[in-house]
Each structure stands twice: as structure tokens, then as C-alpha cells.
Amino acid sequence: MSAVSIPAGRVSALKVTQRRVLQSELTKFRSLRSTTYTMAAAVVLMIGIGALFSAVTASQYKMGPAGINAVSTSLTGTVFAVVAFGVLGVLMVSGEYTTGMIRASLTAVPRRLPVLWAKLAVFAGTTFAASLAASFTSFFLGQALLSGHHLNVGITAPGALRSVIGAALYVTVAGLTGVAMGALFRNTAAAIATFAGVFFVIPPLVGLLPASISNHVAPYLPSNAGEVLWGGASSLQNPLSPWTGFALLCGYAVVIVGAAAWRLRRADA
């Protein structure tokens, strides 16, 4: 029996590469209606709630400009948008485990990890682009609403540009944590519950502890550390500098991504 020879060019054309896996994940990400709906919800929350808080602040303003942070007020929607971005990150992976599509993905890419890297890259690129546009829109809309009482500031004000870009970076890294949790738990409910617990349940619970404990723990929680970059409410009492807090948030994300990568390599789909 004679062996069948395959031309070298055809072998190269069939080879699995990171770029091709990336293209595949981008196609899947764009083709899901849940992606469009969840992304739209996140953008609406980011812009709408920021505008609402700015309008309420302007309407209730009677005591002078002291104590009003125009930048963080216009970016308040970031706190709520991170929920939608986190859910989107979880669904990007857990949805495939629910439908069983992950088996086809891992069969096509036997090394497995390129699938995770591609999902993270696609999510990071699309989320950062969408959230950056929403963040700038939130800022300028909020400043327009605050301008009636001359509370507004320009984008060149100290810390303003860093806060606007920081809001987009914050929700992107938080969402990447959601992607990693989806890959780690492989269950939508468990991953979303854990994400919500880490970002929204644990911080206020820690705040209820005695000050001798909470003052040494609360600043280093993922949400509190990340909020320092864009000026969230928890940043007022946080001793971390903006970029140090963001680096800590990224560190948490790297650890969870590492755990997800380990499980993806070790456990069956």
C-alpha cells in the first residue's frame, strides 16, 4: 500500500495557528445575539446612569462647588456597567460548556490554551473599544449637565483624562476576570455568583468589620483597588495610587486566568 503524500502548501493551509483561532473566536463572539444585547446594556448603563447622577447632582446643587467631583460623578455608571461586562465575560466561555460547543472548539485546537488566549484577546479588544467610547460619552454628557451650575471641568483638568481612560480599563480587566471565571467554573450560575460576590458583596461586608480590620483589607479588594484608577466612591479612603490599584486588579485577574488555564489543560471538557 502506497502512502498518500500531501503537498507542503496544503499542510500549511490546514495548520492551526493562534491567528486563525483568534479569527474563529471573533466570528463566534460577533455572531451571538447575547453578545450584542449584553454589550449594548453595558454601554447604556455606563452612559445613562452617569448622566442620571450628573443631572441629579446639578438639580440638587445649592452648597457651592466644594465636595463635588465632576469627573467621578459623570463616570458613576462604570460601577453598574461592570456587572454587564462581567456577565458577558462569563457567558463567552460558560455558554460553550452549556451547549457542548466547547468540545468542538477543543477538538479543532487540541493544545487548548490558544482557545483561552483568543477568547481573552477578543473580549479585551471589543470591550475596551466599546467602554472607551462609552466612557468619553459619559464624561462629556455629564459635564454638559453639570455646566448649568458651573460644576463642569474640561478633559484637560488634572486626572480627568486618566479617569476616563481608567474607567474603560477597569471594566475591561473586570470583564476579563469574568472570562477566566467562566473557564474555571464552567458553569454560568457559579461563575456569575462568584463574580458578583467578589465585586459587589464582599466589599460592603468587609466595611462592616471593625475599622482595625476593614482599613487594612478593604483597599486591597479587587473592586476597591480598581476603582482608584477612575475615582470611584471607594477611592476616597484608599491609600493606593491610581496605577498601583489598577496593577493590583490586574494581578488578581492574572491569578484567576492562570487557574483557568491550568484547569483547561488538566481537566476534560
Protein backbone atom coordinates (compact mmCIF):
# COMPACT_ATOMS: atom_id res chain seq x y z
CA MET A 1 0.00 0.00 0.00
CA SER A 2 1.45 3.32 -1.01
CA ALA A 3 1.45 6.31 1.34
CA VAL A 4 -0.59 9.36 0.37
CA SER A 5 1.53 12.47 0.12
CA ILE A 6 0.06 15.88 0.96
CA PRO A 7 1.63 18.94 -0.63
CA ALA A 8 3.52 21.12 1.84
CA GLY A 9 1.42 24.15 0.91
CA ARG A 10 -1.79 22.35 1.80
CA VAL A 11 -0.39 21.21 5.17
CA SER A 12 0.45 24.83 5.96
CA ALA A 13 -3.05 25.90 4.97
CA LEU A 14 -4.59 23.39 7.41
CA LYS A 15 -2.28 24.23 10.30
CA VAL A 16 -3.88 25.58 13.48
CA THR A 17 -2.34 28.93 14.36
CA GLN A 18 -3.10 31.46 17.06
CA ARG A 19 -4.20 33.96 14.42
CA ARG A 20 -6.73 31.53 12.98
CA VAL A 21 -8.04 30.63 16.41
CA LEU A 22 -8.39 34.35 17.11
CA GLN A 23 -10.39 34.84 13.92
CA SER A 24 -12.62 31.92 14.83
CA GLU A 25 -13.33 33.28 18.32
CA LEU A 26 -14.03 36.74 16.92
CA THR A 27 -16.56 35.25 14.50
CA LYS A 28 -18.29 33.35 17.30
CA PHE A 29 -18.30 36.42 19.55
CA ARG A 30 -19.90 38.63 16.91
CA SER A 31 -22.46 36.05 15.80
CA LEU A 32 -24.12 35.62 19.21
CA ARG A 33 -27.16 37.80 19.90
CA SER A 34 -26.44 37.67 23.62
CA THR A 35 -23.15 39.44 22.94
CA THR A 36 -24.87 42.33 21.21
CA TYR A 37 -27.57 42.66 23.84
CA THR A 38 -25.22 42.45 26.82
CA MET A 39 -22.69 44.84 25.29
CA ALA A 40 -25.47 47.30 24.49
CA ALA A 41 -26.79 47.02 28.04
CA ALA A 42 -23.33 47.74 29.45
CA VAL A 43 -22.91 50.83 27.28
CA VAL A 44 -26.39 52.11 28.13
CA LEU A 45 -25.74 51.61 31.85
CA MET A 46 -22.40 53.36 31.65
CA ILE A 47 -23.76 56.39 29.83
CA GLY A 48 -27.30 56.52 31.21
CA ILE A 49 -26.52 56.19 34.90
CA GLY A 50 -23.63 58.61 34.62
CA ALA A 51 -25.97 61.14 33.02
CA LEU A 52 -28.61 60.48 35.69
CA PHE A 53 -26.21 61.08 38.56
CA SER A 54 -24.88 64.21 36.88
CA ALA A 55 -28.39 65.57 36.36
CA VAL A 56 -29.41 64.83 39.96
CA THR A 57 -26.22 66.40 41.28
CA ALA A 58 -26.85 69.52 39.22
CA SER A 59 -30.50 69.78 40.27
CA GLN A 60 -29.72 69.39 43.97
CA TYR A 61 -26.70 71.65 43.95
CA LYS A 62 -27.06 74.51 46.42
CA MET A 63 -23.97 74.49 48.60
CA GLY A 64 -21.26 75.61 46.20
CA PRO A 65 -18.66 73.56 44.32
CA ALA A 66 -16.92 72.15 47.41
CA GLY A 67 -17.18 68.36 47.67
CA ILE A 68 -18.36 67.84 44.09
CA ASN A 69 -16.12 65.68 41.93
CA ALA A 70 -17.39 66.38 38.44
CA VAL A 71 -15.28 63.68 36.80
CA SER A 72 -16.26 60.76 39.04
CA THR A 73 -19.91 61.90 39.07
CA SER A 74 -20.13 61.67 35.29
CA LEU A 75 -18.46 58.23 35.38
CA THR A 76 -20.70 56.73 38.08
CA GLY A 77 -22.26 54.40 35.51
CA THR A 78 -19.00 52.46 35.49
CA VAL A 79 -19.99 50.81 38.79
CA PHE A 80 -23.13 49.37 37.17
CA ALA A 81 -21.66 48.66 33.74
CA VAL A 82 -19.07 46.34 35.24
CA VAL A 83 -21.92 43.95 36.08
CA ALA A 84 -22.90 43.61 32.43
CA PHE A 85 -19.30 43.32 31.24
CA GLY A 86 -18.59 40.67 33.87
CA VAL A 87 -21.65 38.66 32.83
CA LEU A 88 -20.62 38.98 29.19
CA GLY A 89 -17.16 37.65 30.04
CA VAL A 90 -18.61 34.67 31.89
CA LEU A 91 -21.05 33.82 29.10
CA MET A 92 -18.30 33.94 26.50
CA VAL A 93 -16.88 30.70 27.94
CA SER A 94 -19.58 29.12 30.08
CA GLY A 95 -22.08 29.36 27.23
CA GLU A 96 -19.98 26.95 25.18
CA TYR A 97 -19.81 24.50 28.06
CA THR A 98 -23.59 24.68 28.44
CA THR A 99 -24.25 23.94 24.75
CA GLY A 100 -21.37 21.49 24.38
CA MET A 101 -19.76 23.58 21.65
CA ILE A 102 -16.55 23.70 23.67
CA ARG A 103 -15.84 20.09 22.66
CA ALA A 104 -15.78 21.08 19.01
CA SER A 105 -13.52 24.05 19.77
CA LEU A 106 -11.04 21.94 21.73
CA THR A 107 -11.13 19.17 19.13
CA ALA A 108 -10.16 21.69 16.47
CA VAL A 109 -7.46 23.14 18.75
CA PRO A 110 -6.01 20.16 20.68
CA ARG A 111 -3.47 22.30 22.54
CA ARG A 112 -6.45 24.04 24.22
CA LEU A 113 -4.71 27.10 25.62
CA PRO A 114 -4.80 29.02 22.30
CA VAL A 115 -8.61 28.94 22.63
CA LEU A 116 -8.44 30.65 26.02
CA TRP A 117 -5.88 33.23 24.85
CA ALA A 118 -8.03 34.00 21.81
CA LYS A 119 -11.17 34.45 23.92
CA LEU A 120 -9.33 36.79 26.28
CA ALA A 121 -7.88 38.82 23.40
CA VAL A 122 -11.23 39.13 21.58
CA PHE A 123 -13.01 40.13 24.76
CA ALA A 124 -10.35 42.65 25.76
CA GLY A 125 -10.27 44.33 22.35
CA THR A 126 -14.01 44.64 21.84
CA THR A 127 -14.80 45.57 25.43
CA PHE A 128 -12.11 48.21 25.71
CA ALA A 129 -13.20 49.83 22.44
CA ALA A 130 -16.88 49.90 23.45
CA SER A 131 -16.25 51.01 27.03
CA LEU A 132 -13.77 53.71 26.00
CA ALA A 133 -16.34 55.25 23.65
CA ALA A 134 -18.98 55.00 26.40
CA SER A 135 -16.62 56.50 28.96
CA PHE A 136 -15.85 59.55 26.84
CA THR A 137 -19.54 59.96 26.07
CA SER A 138 -20.38 59.71 29.77
CA PHE A 139 -17.80 62.32 30.64
CA PHE A 140 -18.82 64.92 28.09
CA LEU A 141 -22.54 64.36 28.64
CA GLY A 142 -22.10 64.58 32.38
CA GLN A 143 -20.08 67.79 32.14
CA ALA A 144 -22.76 69.31 29.91
CA LEU A 145 -25.39 68.53 32.55
CA LEU A 146 -23.21 69.94 35.32
CA SER A 147 -22.34 73.10 33.41
CA GLY A 148 -25.59 74.83 34.44
CA HIS A 149 -24.08 75.46 37.89
CA HIS A 150 -20.53 75.79 36.58
CA LEU A 151 -19.56 72.47 38.17
CA ASN A 152 -18.14 71.07 34.97
CA VAL A 153 -14.47 70.56 34.19
CA GLY A 154 -12.61 70.01 30.95
CA ILE A 155 -10.92 66.84 29.75
CA THR A 156 -7.58 68.56 30.37
CA ALA A 157 -8.33 69.02 34.10
CA PRO A 158 -5.93 67.19 36.43
CA GLY A 159 -6.78 63.49 36.46
CA ALA A 160 -9.73 63.81 34.07
CA LEU A 161 -8.26 62.03 31.06
CA ARG A 162 -6.72 59.35 33.26
CA SER A 163 -10.11 58.74 34.91
CA VAL A 164 -11.97 58.50 31.61
CA ILE A 165 -9.49 56.00 30.16
CA GLY A 166 -9.21 54.32 33.55
CA ALA A 167 -12.94 53.60 33.64
CA ALA A 168 -12.60 51.68 30.37
CA LEU A 169 -9.53 49.83 31.63
CA TYR A 170 -11.30 48.93 34.86
CA VAL A 171 -14.38 47.35 33.24
CA THR A 172 -12.18 45.57 30.68
CA VAL A 173 -9.98 43.89 33.29
CA ALA A 174 -13.02 43.12 35.45
CA GLY A 175 -14.66 41.53 32.41
CA LEU A 176 -11.52 39.50 31.71
CA THR A 177 -11.84 38.20 35.25
CA GLY A 178 -15.35 37.10 34.28
CA VAL A 179 -13.97 35.26 31.23
CA ALA A 180 -11.45 33.47 33.44
CA MET A 181 -14.13 32.56 35.99
CA GLY A 182 -16.28 31.14 33.22
CA ALA A 183 -13.39 28.94 32.12
CA LEU A 184 -12.54 27.99 35.70
CA PHE A 185 -16.03 27.07 36.93
CA ARG A 186 -17.53 26.02 33.56
CA ASN A 187 -20.95 26.84 34.96
CA THR A 188 -22.76 30.09 34.26
CA ALA A 189 -24.56 30.40 37.60
CA ALA A 190 -21.48 29.57 39.67
CA ALA A 191 -19.22 31.93 37.73
CA ILE A 192 -21.66 34.87 37.80
CA ALA A 193 -22.37 34.34 41.51
CA THR A 194 -18.65 34.32 42.27
CA PHE A 195 -18.04 37.40 40.15
CA ALA A 196 -20.88 39.26 41.86
CA GLY A 197 -19.64 38.15 45.26
CA VAL A 198 -16.09 39.35 44.65
CA PHE A 199 -17.04 42.72 43.15
CA PHE A 200 -20.30 43.62 44.92
CA VAL A 201 -20.93 41.51 48.04
CA ILE A 202 -17.58 41.15 49.78
CA PRO A 203 -16.61 44.89 49.76
CA PRO A 204 -19.64 46.13 51.76
CA LEU A 205 -19.38 43.14 54.10
CA VAL A 206 -15.75 43.95 54.82
CA GLY A 207 -16.84 47.53 55.50
CA LEU A 208 -18.99 46.22 58.37
CA LEU A 209 -15.98 44.77 60.16
CA PRO A 210 -14.18 46.74 62.85
CA ALA A 211 -12.09 49.58 61.44
CA SER A 212 -8.89 47.94 62.67
CA ILE A 213 -9.60 45.10 60.21
CA SER A 214 -11.52 46.74 57.35
CA ASN A 215 -8.99 49.56 56.96
CA HIS A 216 -6.28 47.00 56.24
CA VAL A 217 -8.37 44.76 53.98
CA ALA A 218 -10.90 46.87 52.05
CA PRO A 219 -8.40 48.94 49.99
CA TYR A 220 -6.90 45.77 48.52
CA LEU A 221 -10.10 44.10 47.35
CA PRO A 222 -10.33 43.85 43.53
CA SER A 223 -13.17 46.32 43.05
CA ASN A 224 -11.85 48.89 45.52
CA ALA A 225 -8.32 48.72 44.12
CA GLY A 226 -9.54 49.08 40.55
CA GLU A 227 -11.89 51.98 41.28
CA VAL A 228 -8.97 54.16 42.36
CA LEU A 229 -7.98 54.49 38.71
CA TRP A 230 -11.19 56.28 37.70
CA GLY A 231 -12.19 57.86 41.02
CA GLY A 232 -14.98 55.65 42.30
CA ALA A 233 -16.53 56.18 45.71
CA SER A 234 -14.21 53.70 47.42
CA SER A 235 -11.15 55.58 46.14
CA LEU A 236 -11.74 58.46 48.55
CA GLN A 237 -10.34 56.49 51.50
CA ASN A 238 -7.99 54.25 49.52
CA PRO A 239 -4.27 54.74 50.21
CA LEU A 240 -3.28 53.15 46.89
CA SER A 241 -2.26 55.36 43.99
CA PRO A 242 -4.37 55.03 40.81
CA TRP A 243 -1.92 52.92 38.85
CA THR A 244 -0.91 50.82 41.86
CA GLY A 245 -4.56 49.97 42.46
CA PHE A 246 -5.02 49.05 38.80
CA ALA A 247 -1.88 46.90 38.88
CA LEU A 248 -3.31 45.03 41.87
CA LEU A 249 -6.58 44.44 39.99
CA CYS A 250 -4.58 43.11 37.03
CA GLY A 251 -2.70 40.84 39.44
CA TYR A 252 -5.96 39.31 40.63
CA ALA A 253 -7.01 38.79 37.00
CA VAL A 254 -3.70 37.11 36.13
CA VAL A 255 -4.04 34.67 39.03
CA ILE A 256 -7.58 33.68 38.01
CA VAL A 257 -6.57 33.37 34.35
CA GLY A 258 -3.67 31.15 35.42
CA ALA A 259 -6.03 28.91 37.41
CA ALA A 260 -8.40 28.72 34.42
CA ALA A 261 -5.53 27.82 32.09
CA TRP A 262 -4.36 25.11 34.47
CA ARG A 263 -7.82 23.54 34.65
CA LEU A 264 -8.28 23.77 30.89
CA ARG A 265 -5.09 21.80 30.37
CA ARG A 266 -5.71 19.26 33.12
CA ALA A 267 -9.45 18.56 33.06
CA ASP A 268 -11.65 17.17 30.32
CA ALA A 269 -14.26 19.37 28.68
